Structure formats: structure tokens, C-alpha cells
């Protein structure tokens, strides 16, 4: 498949891998504490691979609720001056700038979030964009690619670490729950799933494969039964 284009793979969507570490589970009340994003690119032969990346430690927004259990889980101290944290608007502005550039370069129309349990990261990103008044949000308002679901289908595992293990991707549990590390592993996992589907002959699509022929046979059977009635 020479001269393959990313824009032709996901109906014009530009996949961007995101991971967000937070101070709780409520995107309206809890803060983003870390965010990382990795864009993807396609080789001329149609193989997907990671491209550019950005990562930010983020200051909690005013009046954000910081749940002690969440901080204990991800090991983040929001008050540590060594974090060199930025405001969430700055972080989103820089990530969105990178994403918009990638959309243009790849001839795509809109970005779509790729994440492990994607609804969580998507909800926090959208809430932060709304809270900071960012108008040019390049991401689709509800569509996502969830690697937890995809990993369950392909590898029989939905936990990121276990999916990586089955996919033969090295995973260091000591570095887990760092936004950049989890994003890097999720990006590799997503690329591996997409590329495996291609290597098995699933892409480019065959428009008259066995399943489609079976569907046509079923349709013909229904029509015959209707005519007999």
C-alpha cells in the first residue's frame, strides 16, 4: 500500500493519544494535575507509529477539589515547587497548537482522542477547555478510540499493564500513572493493534469479503421468505 495517508485510515480523523492524571473522578470539580499528548503518523506503506509529544504538570484551577485518595494513587504533590507546573489553559493551548498543526499536515479534518478508558480523559479535556474559554478545540466533542475496549477485543485484557504484557510491550509499574509514560505505552499499544489488523489483511478493506457475502445471502433468504408469504 504505497503512499498511504493517515487521513484515509480513520475517515479523516487525526488520532491523538492522551493521558491525564487528576485529583479525582469528577471532571467539573477535580483538577488536571498532569497531561500528556502524543500525535501519530503513518509511513508510506501504511504503518502507524508515534510522532510528536508534549507533557505538562498542571496547577489545579481555583477551588478545585483535591481528593487525598487520588493523590495517594498517582503520587502527585500539587504543592511541590519542583513540578514547574503551568496553568491548564497554557497546557491546553500548547497541545491544541501541536494537534492543529498535525491535522493540517496530515490533511485530516478533526482530532480524535485515543486513550485507555477514553471517556475519563475526554471528559476532563473537554471540561478544561470549557472552563478556560478555549474556542478552537480541535477534538471531536464525543467520539473517541478506547484502547481498553480494543485491547479486550485483540488481546483479551483491558488493564493497560496487562494488555502491554500480552502485546509484548515492556511496562514498568514503577513509572505507571505518570501521564507521559502511560501515554507512550498507550500510543505503542494503539499502533500495535492498528498495525496488527493491517498485517492480518484487514486493511485496506476488501469490499466483498466472506462476511459481506454472508450478509447478502441472508438478505436474499429474507426476500425469498417474504415473497412466499
C-alpha atoms as a PDB file:
ATOM      1  CA  UNK A   1       0.000   0.000   0.000  1.00  0.00           C
ATOM      2  CA  UNK A   2       2.439   2.712  -1.176  1.00  0.00           C
ATOM      3  CA  UNK A   3       1.760   6.390  -0.444  1.00  0.00           C
ATOM      4  CA  UNK A   4      -0.728   5.591   2.316  1.00  0.00           C
ATOM      5  CA  UNK A   5      -2.297   8.597   4.035  1.00  0.00           C
ATOM      6  CA  UNK A   6      -3.382   8.903   7.651  1.00  0.00           C
ATOM      7  CA  UNK A   7      -6.438  10.921   6.608  1.00  0.00           C
ATOM      8  CA  UNK A   8      -7.744   7.901   4.689  1.00  0.00           C
ATOM      9  CA  UNK A   9      -7.457   5.477   7.617  1.00  0.00           C
ATOM     10  CA  UNK A  10      -9.926   6.909  10.167  1.00  0.00           C
ATOM     11  CA  UNK A  11     -12.425   8.763   7.934  1.00  0.00           C
ATOM     12  CA  UNK A  12     -10.472  11.991   8.207  1.00  0.00           C
ATOM     13  CA  UNK A  13      -9.925  11.799  11.966  1.00  0.00           C
ATOM     14  CA  UNK A  14      -6.469  12.615  13.342  1.00  0.00           C
ATOM     15  CA  UNK A  15      -5.774  10.273  16.295  1.00  0.00           C
ATOM     16  CA  UNK A  16      -4.002  11.839  19.286  1.00  0.00           C
ATOM     17  CA  UNK A  17      -3.083   9.729  22.311  1.00  0.00           C
ATOM     18  CA  UNK A  18      -3.900  11.461  25.607  1.00  0.00           C
ATOM     19  CA  UNK A  19      -3.387  10.597  29.254  1.00  0.00           C
ATOM     20  CA  UNK A  20      -4.498  12.814  32.141  1.00  0.00           C
ATOM     21  CA  UNK A  21      -3.701  12.443  35.835  1.00  0.00           C
ATOM     22  CA  UNK A  22      -6.253  14.130  38.074  1.00  0.00           C
ATOM     23  CA  UNK A  23      -7.204  14.940  41.670  1.00  0.00           C
ATOM     24  CA  UNK A  24     -10.384  12.870  41.484  1.00  0.00           C
ATOM     25  CA  UNK A  25     -13.027  11.422  39.180  1.00  0.00           C
ATOM     26  CA  UNK A  26     -15.302  14.432  38.629  1.00  0.00           C
ATOM     27  CA  UNK A  27     -14.197  16.472  35.607  1.00  0.00           C
ATOM     28  CA  UNK A  28     -16.129  19.533  36.818  1.00  0.00           C
ATOM     29  CA  UNK A  29     -14.867  19.537  40.405  1.00  0.00           C
ATOM     30  CA  UNK A  30     -11.458  17.847  40.303  1.00  0.00           C
ATOM     31  CA  UNK A  31      -8.301  19.211  38.705  1.00  0.00           C
ATOM     32  CA  UNK A  32      -5.993  18.090  35.920  1.00  0.00           C
ATOM     33  CA  UNK A  33      -2.568  17.621  37.523  1.00  0.00           C
ATOM     34  CA  UNK A  34      -0.661  16.157  34.566  1.00  0.00           C
ATOM     35  CA  UNK A  35      -1.444  15.888  30.871  1.00  0.00           C
ATOM     36  CA  UNK A  36       0.496  14.337  28.000  1.00  0.00           C
ATOM     37  CA  UNK A  37      -0.317  14.060  24.304  1.00  0.00           C
ATOM     38  CA  UNK A  38       1.342  12.100  21.506  1.00  0.00           C
ATOM     39  CA  UNK A  39       0.381  12.555  17.871  1.00  0.00           C
ATOM     40  CA  UNK A  40       0.598   9.715  15.374  1.00  0.00           C
ATOM     41  CA  UNK A  41       1.809   9.458  11.797  1.00  0.00           C
ATOM     42  CA  UNK A  42       1.617   6.907   9.011  1.00  0.00           C
ATOM     43  CA  UNK A  43       4.516   5.578   6.965  1.00  0.00           C
ATOM     44  CA  UNK A  44       4.194   5.496   3.165  1.00  0.00           C
ATOM     45  CA  UNK A  45       3.497   1.768   3.486  1.00  0.00           C
ATOM     46  CA  UNK A  46       0.553   2.357   5.814  1.00  0.00           C
ATOM     47  CA  UNK A  47       2.053   1.527   9.230  1.00  0.00           C
ATOM     48  CA  UNK A  48       1.015   3.681  12.181  1.00  0.00           C
ATOM     49  CA  UNK A  49       3.672   4.997  14.589  1.00  0.00           C
ATOM     50  CA  UNK A  50       4.110   7.684  17.298  1.00  0.00           C
ATOM     51  CA  UNK A  51       5.155  11.151  16.205  1.00  0.00           C
ATOM     52  CA  UNK A  52       5.376  14.294  18.383  1.00  0.00           C
ATOM     53  CA  UNK A  53       4.756  14.561  22.118  1.00  0.00           C
ATOM     54  CA  UNK A  54       4.061  17.184  24.773  1.00  0.00           C
ATOM     55  CA  UNK A  55       3.731  16.868  28.537  1.00  0.00           C
ATOM     56  CA  UNK A  56       2.793  19.358  31.250  1.00  0.00           C
ATOM     57  CA  UNK A  57       2.488  19.354  35.010  1.00  0.00           C
ATOM     58  CA  UNK A  58      -0.597  21.446  35.725  1.00  0.00           C
ATOM     59  CA  UNK A  59      -1.621  23.721  38.583  1.00  0.00           C
ATOM     60  CA  UNK A  60      -5.112  22.972  39.973  1.00  0.00           C
ATOM     61  CA  UNK A  61      -7.712  25.542  38.970  1.00  0.00           C
ATOM     62  CA  UNK A  62      -9.157  27.796  41.672  1.00  0.00           C
ATOM     63  CA  UNK A  63     -11.445  25.964  44.116  1.00  0.00           C
ATOM     64  CA  UNK A  64     -10.645  22.562  42.617  1.00  0.00           C
ATOM     65  CA  UNK A  65     -11.251  19.647  44.958  1.00  0.00           C
ATOM     66  CA  UNK A  66      -8.112  17.602  45.642  1.00  0.00           C
ATOM     67  CA  UNK A  67      -9.103  14.133  46.795  1.00  0.00           C
ATOM     68  CA  UNK A  68      -6.468  12.613  49.123  1.00  0.00           C
ATOM     69  CA  UNK A  69      -7.131   9.105  47.776  1.00  0.00           C
ATOM     70  CA  UNK A  70      -6.498  10.269  44.194  1.00  0.00           C
ATOM     71  CA  UNK A  71      -3.245  11.993  45.161  1.00  0.00           C
ATOM     72  CA  UNK A  72      -2.111   8.893  47.038  1.00  0.00           C
ATOM     73  CA  UNK A  73      -2.889   6.753  43.996  1.00  0.00           C
ATOM     74  CA  UNK A  74      -0.966   8.807  41.427  1.00  0.00           C
ATOM     75  CA  UNK A  75       1.711  10.029  43.842  1.00  0.00           C
ATOM     76  CA  UNK A  76       1.415  13.676  42.800  1.00  0.00           C
ATOM     77  CA  UNK A  77       2.023  16.519  45.242  1.00  0.00           C
ATOM     78  CA  UNK A  78       0.339  19.572  43.657  1.00  0.00           C
ATOM     79  CA  UNK A  79       2.233  21.915  46.012  1.00  0.00           C
ATOM     80  CA  UNK A  80       5.707  20.656  45.098  1.00  0.00           C
ATOM     81  CA  UNK A  81       7.556  23.645  43.545  1.00  0.00           C
ATOM     82  CA  UNK A  82       9.846  21.287  41.625  1.00  0.00           C
ATOM     83  CA  UNK A  83       6.903  20.284  39.416  1.00  0.00           C
ATOM     84  CA  UNK A  84       7.316  23.517  37.399  1.00  0.00           C
ATOM     85  CA  UNK A  85       3.577  23.362  36.800  1.00  0.00           C
ATOM     86  CA  UNK A  86       1.664  25.616  34.395  1.00  0.00           C
ATOM     87  CA  UNK A  87      -1.958  26.742  34.279  1.00  0.00           C
ATOM     88  CA  UNK A  88      -4.305  24.400  32.451  1.00  0.00           C
ATOM     89  CA  UNK A  89      -5.036  26.977  29.748  1.00  0.00           C
ATOM     90  CA  UNK A  90      -1.356  27.190  28.847  1.00  0.00           C
ATOM     91  CA  UNK A  91      -1.083  23.399  28.693  1.00  0.00           C
ATOM     92  CA  UNK A  92      -4.173  23.054  26.504  1.00  0.00           C
ATOM     93  CA  UNK A  93      -3.164  25.933  24.227  1.00  0.00           C
ATOM     94  CA  UNK A  94       0.198  24.303  23.504  1.00  0.00           C
ATOM     95  CA  UNK A  95      -1.272  20.830  22.966  1.00  0.00           C
ATOM     96  CA  UNK A  96      -4.052  22.163  20.750  1.00  0.00           C
ATOM     97  CA  UNK A  97      -1.492  24.103  18.709  1.00  0.00           C
ATOM     98  CA  UNK A  98       0.504  20.905  18.096  1.00  0.00           C
ATOM     99  CA  UNK A  99      -2.661  18.998  17.229  1.00  0.00           C
ATOM    100  CA  UNK A 100      -3.962  21.631  14.795  1.00  0.00           C
ATOM    101  CA  UNK A 101      -0.603  21.618  13.021  1.00  0.00           C
ATOM    102  CA  UNK A 102      -0.763  17.838  12.717  1.00  0.00           C
ATOM    103  CA  UNK A 103      -4.312  17.950  11.374  1.00  0.00           C
ATOM    104  CA  UNK A 104      -3.222  20.333   8.650  1.00  0.00           C
ATOM    105  CA  UNK A 105      -0.060  18.416   7.742  1.00  0.00           C
ATOM    106  CA  UNK A 106      -1.878  15.072   7.550  1.00  0.00           C
ATOM    107  CA  UNK A 107      -4.833  16.538   5.605  1.00  0.00           C
ATOM    108  CA  UNK A 108      -7.261  15.392   8.298  1.00  0.00           C
ATOM    109  CA  UNK A 109     -10.395  17.259   9.339  1.00  0.00           C
ATOM    110  CA  UNK A 110     -10.579  16.829  13.117  1.00  0.00           C
ATOM    111  CA  UNK A 111      -8.684  15.243  16.001  1.00  0.00           C
ATOM    112  CA  UNK A 112      -9.997  12.310  17.983  1.00  0.00           C
ATOM    113  CA  UNK A 113      -8.764  11.268  21.423  1.00  0.00           C
ATOM    114  CA  UNK A 114      -7.107   7.881  21.809  1.00  0.00           C
ATOM    115  CA  UNK A 115      -6.899   6.881  25.478  1.00  0.00           C
ATOM    116  CA  UNK A 116      -7.157   3.950  27.855  1.00  0.00           C
ATOM    117  CA  UNK A 117     -10.692   4.200  29.269  1.00  0.00           C
ATOM    118  CA  UNK A 118     -11.086   7.166  26.944  1.00  0.00           C
ATOM    119  CA  UNK A 119     -14.304   8.587  28.386  1.00  0.00           C
ATOM    120  CA  UNK A 120     -12.417   9.648  31.517  1.00  0.00           C
ATOM    121  CA  UNK A 121      -9.668  11.588  29.705  1.00  0.00           C
ATOM    122  CA  UNK A 122     -12.113  13.017  27.161  1.00  0.00           C
ATOM    123  CA  UNK A 123     -14.405  14.366  29.886  1.00  0.00           C
ATOM    124  CA  UNK A 124     -11.533  16.120  31.692  1.00  0.00           C
ATOM    125  CA  UNK A 125     -10.125  17.604  28.486  1.00  0.00           C
ATOM    126  CA  UNK A 126     -13.498  18.950  27.403  1.00  0.00           C
ATOM    127  CA  UNK A 127     -14.284  20.340  30.872  1.00  0.00           C
ATOM    128  CA  UNK A 128     -10.922  22.129  30.999  1.00  0.00           C
ATOM    129  CA  UNK A 129     -11.383  23.579  27.517  1.00  0.00           C
ATOM    130  CA  UNK A 130     -14.797  24.903  28.511  1.00  0.00           C
ATOM    131  CA  UNK A 131     -13.553  26.206  31.859  1.00  0.00           C
ATOM    132  CA  UNK A 132     -10.664  28.126  30.286  1.00  0.00           C
ATOM    133  CA  UNK A 133     -12.798  29.564  27.480  1.00  0.00           C
ATOM    134  CA  UNK A 134     -10.820  27.979  24.647  1.00  0.00           C
ATOM    135  CA  UNK A 135     -12.849  28.374  21.471  1.00  0.00           C
ATOM    136  CA  UNK A 136     -10.798  26.420  18.926  1.00  0.00           C
ATOM    137  CA  UNK A 137     -10.898  22.936  20.394  1.00  0.00           C
ATOM    138  CA  UNK A 138      -9.642  20.588  17.656  1.00  0.00           C
ATOM    139  CA  UNK A 139     -11.034  17.427  19.261  1.00  0.00           C
ATOM    140  CA  UNK A 140     -14.307  15.737  18.376  1.00  0.00           C
ATOM    141  CA  UNK A 141     -16.919  16.555  21.049  1.00  0.00           C
ATOM    142  CA  UNK A 142     -17.804  12.928  21.800  1.00  0.00           C
ATOM    143  CA  UNK A 143     -16.033  10.390  19.543  1.00  0.00           C
ATOM    144  CA  UNK A 144     -13.013   8.537  20.979  1.00  0.00           C
ATOM    145  CA  UNK A 145     -10.853   5.473  20.354  1.00  0.00           C
ATOM    146  CA  UNK A 146     -10.705   3.496  23.602  1.00  0.00           C
ATOM    147  CA  UNK A 147      -7.672   1.214  23.871  1.00  0.00           C
ATOM    148  CA  UNK A 148      -9.218  -0.598  26.851  1.00  0.00           C
ATOM    149  CA  UNK A 149     -12.029  -1.881  24.613  1.00  0.00           C
ATOM    150  CA  UNK A 150      -9.705  -2.525  21.681  1.00  0.00           C
ATOM    151  CA  UNK A 151      -7.262  -4.414  23.913  1.00  0.00           C
ATOM    152  CA  UNK A 152     -10.107  -6.504  25.290  1.00  0.00           C
ATOM    153  CA  UNK A 153     -11.015  -7.485  21.731  1.00  0.00           C
ATOM    154  CA  UNK A 154      -7.492  -8.116  20.431  1.00  0.00           C
ATOM    155  CA  UNK A 155      -5.533  -9.276  23.493  1.00  0.00           C
ATOM    156  CA  UNK A 156      -8.220 -10.360  25.971  1.00  0.00           C
ATOM    157  CA  UNK A 157      -7.033  -7.790  28.523  1.00  0.00           C
ATOM    158  CA  UNK A 158      -8.476  -4.387  29.464  1.00  0.00           C
ATOM    159  CA  UNK A 159      -5.914  -3.222  32.053  1.00  0.00           C
ATOM    160  CA  UNK A 160      -3.138  -1.213  30.362  1.00  0.00           C
ATOM    161  CA  UNK A 161      -0.243  -3.037  32.035  1.00  0.00           C
ATOM    162  CA  UNK A 162      -1.691  -6.478  31.287  1.00  0.00           C
ATOM    163  CA  UNK A 163      -2.566  -5.565  27.704  1.00  0.00           C
ATOM    164  CA  UNK A 164       1.000  -4.363  27.170  1.00  0.00           C
ATOM    165  CA  UNK A 165       2.324  -7.604  28.624  1.00  0.00           C
ATOM    166  CA  UNK A 166       0.279  -9.724  26.227  1.00  0.00           C
ATOM    167  CA  UNK A 167       1.239  -7.427  23.347  1.00  0.00           C
ATOM    168  CA  UNK A 168       4.916  -7.852  24.320  1.00  0.00           C
ATOM    169  CA  UNK A 169       5.343  -4.166  25.171  1.00  0.00           C
ATOM    170  CA  UNK A 170       7.649  -3.534  28.134  1.00  0.00           C
ATOM    171  CA  UNK A 171       5.825  -1.917  31.048  1.00  0.00           C
ATOM    172  CA  UNK A 172       7.438  -0.590  34.238  1.00  0.00           C
ATOM    173  CA  UNK A 173       4.890  -0.476  37.061  1.00  0.00           C
ATOM    174  CA  UNK A 174       7.086   1.996  38.948  1.00  0.00           C
ATOM    175  CA  UNK A 175       6.600   4.551  36.152  1.00  0.00           C
ATOM    176  CA  UNK A 176       2.877   3.905  35.737  1.00  0.00           C
ATOM    177  CA  UNK A 177       0.431   6.732  36.455  1.00  0.00           C
ATOM    178  CA  UNK A 178       2.867   9.247  35.044  1.00  0.00           C
ATOM    179  CA  UNK A 179       0.917  10.946  32.256  1.00  0.00           C
ATOM    180  CA  UNK A 180       3.814  10.842  29.788  1.00  0.00           C
ATOM    181  CA  UNK A 181       4.720   7.210  30.498  1.00  0.00           C
ATOM    182  CA  UNK A 182       1.131   5.984  30.237  1.00  0.00           C
ATOM    183  CA  UNK A 183       0.649   7.986  27.037  1.00  0.00           C
ATOM    184  CA  UNK A 184       3.779   6.482  25.493  1.00  0.00           C
ATOM    185  CA  UNK A 185       2.628   2.954  26.290  1.00  0.00           C
ATOM    186  CA  UNK A 186      -0.920   3.633  25.114  1.00  0.00           C
ATOM    187  CA  UNK A 187       0.400   5.055  21.842  1.00  0.00           C
ATOM    188  CA  UNK A 188       2.528   1.969  21.213  1.00  0.00           C
ATOM    189  CA  UNK A 189      -0.404  -0.284  22.114  1.00  0.00           C
ATOM    190  CA  UNK A 190      -2.818   1.507  19.788  1.00  0.00           C
ATOM    191  CA  UNK A 191      -0.315   1.432  16.916  1.00  0.00           C
ATOM    192  CA  UNK A 192       0.287  -2.256  17.522  1.00  0.00           C
ATOM    193  CA  UNK A 193      -3.448  -3.007  17.382  1.00  0.00           C
ATOM    194  CA  UNK A 194      -3.975  -0.995  14.184  1.00  0.00           C
ATOM    195  CA  UNK A 195      -0.860  -2.443  12.539  1.00  0.00           C
ATOM    196  CA  UNK A 196      -1.766  -5.988  13.536  1.00  0.00           C
ATOM    197  CA  UNK A 197      -5.154  -5.598  11.874  1.00  0.00           C
ATOM    198  CA  UNK A 198      -3.359  -4.444   8.728  1.00  0.00           C
ATOM    199  CA  UNK A 199      -0.832  -7.297   8.837  1.00  0.00           C
ATOM    200  CA  UNK A 200      -3.675  -9.822   9.060  1.00  0.00           C
ATOM    201  CA  UNK A 201      -5.155  -8.439   5.844  1.00  0.00           C
ATOM    202  CA  UNK A 202      -7.901  -6.355   7.439  1.00  0.00           C
ATOM    203  CA  UNK A 203      -6.732  -3.097   5.866  1.00  0.00           C
ATOM    204  CA  UNK A 204      -7.220  -1.853   3.161  1.00  0.00           C
ATOM    205  CA  UNK A 205     -10.772  -3.143   3.237  1.00  0.00           C
ATOM    206  CA  UNK A 206     -11.909  -5.904   0.944  1.00  0.00           C
ATOM    207  CA  UNK A 207     -15.389  -4.913  -0.180  1.00  0.00           C
ATOM    208  CA  UNK A 208     -16.527  -8.439  -0.944  1.00  0.00           C
ATOM    209  CA  UNK A 209     -15.201 -10.483   1.924  1.00  0.00           C
ATOM    210  CA  UNK A 210     -16.786 -13.564   3.459  1.00  0.00           C
ATOM    211  CA  UNK A 211     -18.918 -11.635   5.969  1.00  0.00           C
ATOM    212  CA  UNK A 212     -20.375  -9.394   3.271  1.00  0.00           C
ATOM    213  CA  UNK A 213     -21.222 -12.382   1.096  1.00  0.00           C
ATOM    214  CA  UNK A 214     -22.901 -13.994   4.096  1.00  0.00           C
ATOM    215  CA  UNK A 215     -24.923 -10.826   4.695  1.00  0.00           C
ATOM    216  CA  UNK A 216     -26.036 -10.817   1.044  1.00  0.00           C
ATOM    217  CA  UNK A 217     -27.105 -14.472   1.334  1.00  0.00           C
ATOM    218  CA  UNK A 218     -29.163 -13.647   4.434  1.00  0.00           C
ATOM    219  CA  UNK A 219     -30.820 -10.716   2.646  1.00  0.00           C
ATOM    220  CA  UNK A 220     -31.710 -12.937  -0.320  1.00  0.00           C
ATOM    221  CA  UNK A 221     -33.136 -15.556   2.050  1.00  0.00           C
ATOM    222  CA  UNK A 222     -35.332 -12.959   3.765  1.00  0.00           C
ATOM    223  CA  UNK A 223     -36.621 -11.669   0.407  1.00  0.00           C
ATOM    224  CA  UNK A 224     -37.469 -15.210  -0.693  1.00  0.00           C
ATOM    225  CA  UNK A 225     -39.342 -15.871   2.557  1.00  0.00           C
ATOM    226  CA  UNK A 226     -41.272 -12.591   2.215  1.00  0.00           C
ATOM    227  CA  UNK A 227     -42.306 -13.461  -1.343  1.00  0.00           C
ATOM    228  CA  UNK A 228     -43.551 -16.915  -0.234  1.00  0.00           C
ATOM    229  CA  UNK A 229     -45.688 -15.271   2.459  1.00  0.00           C
END
